[in-house]
């Protein structure tokens, strides 16, 4: 355990092939880098590393709601809550596995829940978010998402493949429902889309860095793609005006119509594996 930016407690992991950093606030993975490669994750230079304030970049945990909610933190409280590190081990393959928990909470409707988060660092970065309904009588309905910010060499020469034919809600156009017709998505303006009913892997093809990033997932029916572009970037106090050119969010989870309901005693698991290779 060590102090990260702003004095926030942080765990740094070093394996033979990669490094990672995870802040206890939000169990927030802020850095992952394979040896000989550029960092996989984007982290804004303007991010506020302060208690109770979400970190801009890396992998925020979104739970138990996605987006804004009146009188409550945007994207829920998991990304600003302080998690406990309760286990760390190195497996036979040389990967380091860390387990975090967020102390049990109570839903506004009275349902009780528990959160476990397992981060495995090696040749790939593997993440598992486990939600358990610990209530005796109440169902628990929630949204979740691993809101991953990826670092790219230049958004103008980056394409996102794997979502062709999938229906999505376009937040930029008042949540209009559309169908993705492009074999690969090119970002040339603000993009804020929730792709629905899709379990497919997504590939980020970065021509500038000559790298492809593969996002594989299970227990997820939604994929979110986001880039704030020029004007929205200027409106974000914790995001550099030009940083939209070096990032794209491809998020895996269950949001909107894909929310999850657990009966008492049930659990759900959201797994994401992030790996990279030369393009």
Protein backbone atom coordinates (compact mmCIF):
# COMPACT_ATOMS: atom_id res chain seq x y z
CA UNK A 1 0.00 0.00 0.00
CA UNK A 2 1.26 3.49 -0.82
CA UNK A 3 0.00 7.03 -1.34
CA UNK A 4 -1.04 8.00 -4.85
CA UNK A 5 -1.86 11.42 -6.24
CA UNK A 6 -3.61 13.69 -3.76
CA UNK A 7 -2.49 11.37 -0.98
CA UNK A 8 -5.18 8.82 -1.84
CA UNK A 9 -4.29 5.24 -0.79
CA UNK A 10 -3.16 3.16 -3.76
CA UNK A 11 -1.89 -0.32 -4.58
CA UNK A 12 0.83 -0.73 -7.21
CA UNK A 13 1.27 -4.12 -8.87
CA UNK A 14 4.36 -5.17 -10.79
CA UNK A 15 4.48 -8.46 -12.68
CA UNK A 16 7.10 -9.78 -15.08
CA UNK A 17 5.08 -8.45 -18.03
CA UNK A 18 3.01 -5.50 -16.77
CA UNK A 19 2.30 -2.89 -14.11
CA UNK A 20 -0.96 -1.59 -12.66
CA UNK A 21 -2.18 0.91 -10.08
CA UNK A 22 -5.47 0.72 -8.20
CA UNK A 23 -6.74 3.44 -5.85
CA UNK A 24 -8.86 2.27 -2.91
CA UNK A 25 -11.26 5.14 -3.55
CA UNK A 26 -13.58 3.51 -6.04
CA UNK A 27 -11.32 0.42 -6.32
CA UNK A 28 -10.33 2.50 -9.31
CA UNK A 29 -7.78 1.04 -11.73
CA UNK A 30 -5.94 4.15 -12.91
CA UNK A 31 -3.03 2.52 -14.74
CA UNK A 32 -2.25 -0.65 -16.68
CA UNK A 33 0.74 -1.02 -18.97
CA UNK A 34 2.41 -3.97 -20.61
CA UNK A 35 6.18 -3.94 -20.86
CA UNK A 36 7.27 -2.29 -24.11
CA UNK A 37 3.84 -0.75 -24.79
CA UNK A 38 2.15 2.59 -24.23
CA UNK A 39 -0.29 2.68 -21.27
CA UNK A 40 -3.57 0.95 -22.06
CA UNK A 41 -5.69 3.34 -19.99
CA UNK A 42 -6.24 7.07 -20.38
CA UNK A 43 -5.99 9.27 -17.28
CA UNK A 44 -6.70 12.98 -17.58
CA UNK A 45 -3.95 15.35 -16.52
CA UNK A 46 -6.72 17.53 -15.06
CA UNK A 47 -8.26 14.79 -12.90
CA UNK A 48 -9.01 15.81 -9.33
CA UNK A 49 -7.48 13.29 -6.94
CA UNK A 50 -9.55 14.26 -3.90
CA UNK A 51 -11.63 12.40 -1.35
CA UNK A 52 -15.20 11.92 -2.50
CA UNK A 53 -14.46 13.12 -6.04
CA UNK A 54 -14.52 10.76 -9.01
CA UNK A 55 -11.22 10.22 -10.82
CA UNK A 56 -11.36 11.15 -14.52
CA UNK A 57 -9.96 8.24 -16.49
CA UNK A 58 -8.90 4.67 -15.84
CA UNK A 59 -11.78 2.34 -14.96
CA UNK A 60 -14.49 3.84 -12.75
CA UNK A 61 -17.00 1.35 -11.32
CA UNK A 62 -20.57 2.45 -12.10
CA UNK A 63 -23.13 1.11 -9.59
CA UNK A 64 -26.04 0.97 -8.77
CA UNK A 65 -27.24 3.40 -11.44
CA UNK A 66 -25.85 4.74 -14.70
CA UNK A 67 -25.90 8.48 -15.39
CA UNK A 68 -27.37 11.31 -13.37
CA UNK A 69 -29.83 10.89 -10.52
CA UNK A 70 -31.48 13.75 -8.63
CA UNK A 71 -30.00 14.32 -5.19
CA UNK A 72 -27.43 11.53 -5.58
CA UNK A 73 -23.94 11.09 -7.06
CA UNK A 74 -23.81 10.75 -10.84
CA UNK A 75 -23.14 7.11 -11.84
CA UNK A 76 -23.75 5.94 -8.27
CA UNK A 77 -21.51 5.81 -5.21
CA UNK A 78 -19.24 2.83 -5.92
CA UNK A 79 -16.74 4.98 -7.83
CA UNK A 80 -16.25 7.37 -4.89
CA UNK A 81 -16.65 4.94 -1.98
CA UNK A 82 -13.58 3.65 -0.16
CA UNK A 83 -13.09 -0.07 -0.81
CA UNK A 84 -11.17 -2.55 1.32
CA UNK A 85 -8.38 -4.70 -0.10
CA UNK A 86 -8.98 -8.11 1.49
CA UNK A 87 -6.73 -10.42 -0.50
CA UNK A 88 -3.73 -10.58 -2.83
CA UNK A 89 -2.03 -13.58 -4.39
CA UNK A 90 0.22 -14.56 -7.28
CA UNK A 91 -1.02 -17.54 -9.29
CA UNK A 92 1.02 -20.22 -11.03
CA UNK A 93 1.03 -18.19 -14.25
CA UNK A 94 2.66 -15.20 -12.57
CA UNK A 95 -0.52 -13.10 -12.53
CA UNK A 96 -1.35 -11.03 -9.46
CA UNK A 97 -4.94 -11.31 -8.24
CA UNK A 98 -6.40 -8.67 -5.91
CA UNK A 99 -9.80 -8.79 -4.23
CA UNK A 100 -11.62 -5.69 -3.00
CA UNK A 101 -14.97 -5.31 -1.22
CA UNK A 102 -17.23 -2.34 -0.64
CA UNK A 103 -18.92 -2.59 2.76
CA UNK A 104 -22.54 -3.73 2.45
CA UNK A 105 -25.03 -1.08 1.47
CA UNK A 106 -28.77 -0.53 1.45
CA UNK A 107 -30.77 0.44 -1.62
CA UNK A 108 -33.21 3.38 -1.23
CA UNK A 109 -36.01 0.81 -1.54
CA UNK A 110 -34.60 -1.20 1.35
CA UNK A 111 -32.75 -3.99 -0.44
CA UNK A 112 -29.34 -4.87 0.98
CA UNK A 113 -26.39 -5.70 -1.22
CA UNK A 114 -22.69 -6.57 -1.23
CA UNK A 115 -19.99 -5.77 -3.80
CA UNK A 116 -16.85 -7.78 -4.56
CA UNK A 117 -14.28 -6.73 -7.17
CA UNK A 118 -11.47 -8.95 -8.41
CA UNK A 119 -8.61 -7.44 -10.44
CA UNK A 120 -6.11 -9.78 -12.10
CA UNK A 121 -2.93 -8.26 -13.54
CA UNK A 122 -0.76 -10.11 -16.05
CA UNK A 123 -0.39 -10.18 -19.82
CA UNK A 124 -4.02 -8.98 -19.84
CA UNK A 125 -6.06 -6.98 -17.34
CA UNK A 126 -9.02 -8.98 -16.05
CA UNK A 127 -11.83 -7.52 -13.98
CA UNK A 128 -14.80 -9.12 -12.23
CA UNK A 129 -17.52 -7.19 -10.41
CA UNK A 130 -19.78 -9.39 -8.27
CA UNK A 131 -23.07 -8.03 -6.93
CA UNK A 132 -24.99 -10.00 -4.29
CA UNK A 133 -28.47 -9.30 -3.00
CA UNK A 134 -28.08 -9.95 0.71
CA UNK A 135 -31.71 -9.07 1.51
CA UNK A 136 -33.95 -11.70 3.01
CA UNK A 137 -37.14 -10.59 1.28
CA UNK A 138 -36.56 -7.78 -1.24
CA UNK A 139 -35.54 -7.98 -4.87
CA UNK A 140 -32.70 -5.66 -5.89
CA UNK A 141 -32.65 -3.90 -9.28
CA UNK A 142 -29.53 -2.06 -10.43
CA UNK A 143 -27.33 -0.98 -13.31
CA UNK A 144 -23.58 -1.57 -13.45
CA UNK A 145 -20.75 -0.69 -15.78
CA UNK A 146 -16.95 -0.74 -15.95
CA UNK A 147 -16.52 2.70 -17.51
CA UNK A 148 -13.16 2.09 -19.19
CA UNK A 149 -11.16 4.99 -20.66
CA UNK A 150 -8.70 3.74 -23.27
CA UNK A 151 -5.60 5.63 -24.37
CA UNK A 152 -5.24 6.04 -28.15
CA UNK A 153 -2.58 7.74 -30.24
CA UNK A 154 -5.08 9.84 -32.19
CA UNK A 155 -8.87 9.54 -32.17
CA UNK A 156 -8.91 10.60 -35.83
CA UNK A 157 -7.10 7.38 -36.79
CA UNK A 158 -8.94 5.03 -34.42
CA UNK A 159 -11.78 2.66 -35.31
CA UNK A 160 -14.06 0.59 -33.08
CA UNK A 161 -15.29 -2.75 -34.48
CA UNK A 162 -17.71 -5.36 -33.16
CA UNK A 163 -20.98 -3.43 -32.91
CA UNK A 164 -22.28 -3.55 -36.47
CA UNK A 165 -26.00 -4.34 -36.60
CA UNK A 166 -26.55 -3.54 -32.90
CA UNK A 167 -29.33 -1.18 -31.79
CA UNK A 168 -28.30 1.77 -29.66
CA UNK A 169 -29.62 4.84 -27.87
CA UNK A 170 -27.97 8.05 -29.05
CA UNK A 171 -27.75 10.49 -26.13
CA UNK A 172 -26.39 13.23 -28.40
CA UNK A 173 -29.66 13.09 -30.36
CA UNK A 174 -32.10 12.99 -27.44
CA UNK A 175 -31.77 9.23 -26.89
CA UNK A 176 -33.03 8.38 -30.38
CA UNK A 177 -32.95 4.64 -31.08
CA UNK A 178 -30.78 3.70 -34.06
CA UNK A 179 -29.00 0.70 -35.52
CA UNK A 180 -25.25 0.69 -36.10
CA UNK A 181 -24.70 0.28 -39.85
CA UNK A 182 -20.94 0.77 -39.97
CA UNK A 183 -18.59 -2.23 -39.85
CA UNK A 184 -16.29 -0.04 -37.74
CA UNK A 185 -17.13 3.19 -35.90
CA UNK A 186 -15.07 6.28 -36.72
CA UNK A 187 -15.38 9.14 -34.26
CA UNK A 188 -15.59 12.56 -35.90
CA UNK A 189 -17.86 14.38 -33.43
CA UNK A 190 -19.29 13.92 -29.94
CA UNK A 191 -20.34 10.30 -29.37
CA UNK A 192 -22.43 9.09 -26.42
CA UNK A 193 -24.18 5.83 -27.22
CA UNK A 194 -25.57 2.88 -25.31
CA UNK A 195 -25.50 -0.26 -27.46
CA UNK A 196 -28.13 -2.70 -26.23
CA UNK A 197 -28.50 -6.48 -26.13
CA UNK A 198 -24.93 -7.15 -27.19
CA UNK A 199 -22.49 -9.57 -25.61
CA UNK A 200 -19.92 -9.33 -28.41
CA UNK A 201 -16.26 -8.48 -27.97
CA UNK A 202 -15.18 -5.05 -29.24
CA UNK A 203 -11.88 -4.23 -30.91
CA UNK A 204 -10.26 -0.79 -30.80
CA UNK A 205 -7.94 -0.38 -33.78
CA UNK A 206 -5.38 2.36 -33.20
CA UNK A 207 -3.44 3.16 -36.36
CA UNK A 208 -1.22 5.78 -34.70
CA UNK A 209 0.09 3.42 -32.01
CA UNK A 210 -0.17 0.40 -34.33
CA UNK A 211 -2.07 -1.40 -31.61
CA UNK A 212 -5.38 -3.17 -31.25
CA UNK A 213 -7.17 -3.49 -27.93
CA UNK A 214 -9.68 -6.29 -27.49
CA UNK A 215 -12.48 -5.87 -24.94
CA UNK A 216 -14.00 -9.26 -24.08
CA UNK A 217 -16.86 -9.52 -21.62
CA UNK A 218 -19.40 -11.81 -20.00
CA UNK A 219 -22.38 -11.03 -17.80
CA UNK A 220 -22.84 -7.83 -19.80
CA UNK A 221 -25.63 -6.97 -22.26
CA UNK A 222 -24.69 -3.30 -22.85
CA UNK A 223 -21.69 -1.59 -24.43
CA UNK A 224 -21.27 2.18 -24.10
CA UNK A 225 -19.10 4.25 -26.46
CA UNK A 226 -18.20 7.80 -25.42
CA UNK A 227 -15.98 10.64 -26.57
CA UNK A 228 -16.85 14.21 -25.48
CA UNK A 229 -15.26 15.87 -28.55
CA UNK A 230 -14.40 19.58 -28.68
CA UNK A 231 -17.17 21.55 -26.98
CA UNK A 232 -18.05 19.02 -24.28
CA UNK A 233 -14.35 18.62 -23.41
CA UNK A 234 -14.15 22.35 -22.74
CA UNK A 235 -17.10 22.10 -20.35
CA UNK A 236 -15.46 19.44 -18.17
CA UNK A 237 -13.38 20.98 -15.39
CA UNK A 238 -11.40 17.77 -14.81
CA UNK A 239 -10.61 17.11 -18.48
CA UNK A 240 -8.13 18.88 -20.75
CA UNK A 241 -9.55 20.81 -23.70
CA UNK A 242 -7.62 18.72 -26.22
CA UNK A 243 -7.56 15.38 -24.41
CA UNK A 244 -10.53 14.04 -26.37
CA UNK A 245 -7.99 13.32 -29.12
CA UNK A 246 -6.13 10.75 -27.00
CA UNK A 247 -9.00 8.74 -25.53
CA UNK A 248 -12.15 6.77 -26.13
CA UNK A 249 -14.43 5.05 -23.64
CA UNK A 250 -15.69 1.56 -24.44
CA UNK A 251 -17.69 0.50 -21.41
CA UNK A 252 -19.07 -2.93 -20.52
CA UNK A 253 -22.09 -3.38 -18.30
CA UNK A 254 -25.84 -3.57 -17.95
CA UNK A 255 -27.63 -0.24 -18.29
CA UNK A 256 -31.01 1.09 -19.38
CA UNK A 257 -33.27 -1.73 -20.59
CA UNK A 258 -30.50 -4.20 -19.71
CA UNK A 259 -30.66 -3.55 -15.96
CA UNK A 260 -30.41 -6.55 -13.63
CA UNK A 261 -32.82 -7.73 -10.93
CA UNK A 262 -31.59 -10.16 -8.27
CA UNK A 263 -33.81 -12.09 -5.92
CA UNK A 264 -32.72 -12.46 -2.27
CA UNK A 265 -29.49 -14.43 -2.07
CA UNK A 266 -28.72 -14.21 -5.80
CA UNK A 267 -25.49 -12.87 -7.28
CA UNK A 268 -24.43 -11.59 -10.68
CA UNK A 269 -20.94 -11.42 -12.17
CA UNK A 270 -19.70 -8.90 -14.73
CA UNK A 271 -16.37 -9.98 -16.23
CA UNK A 272 -14.15 -7.96 -18.58
CA UNK A 273 -10.84 -8.96 -20.10
CA UNK A 274 -8.65 -6.30 -21.74
CA UNK A 275 -5.79 -7.43 -23.94
CA UNK A 276 -3.66 -5.76 -26.57
CA UNK A 277 -1.50 -6.75 -29.52
CA UNK A 278 0.32 -5.19 -32.43
CA UNK A 279 -1.94 -4.09 -35.28
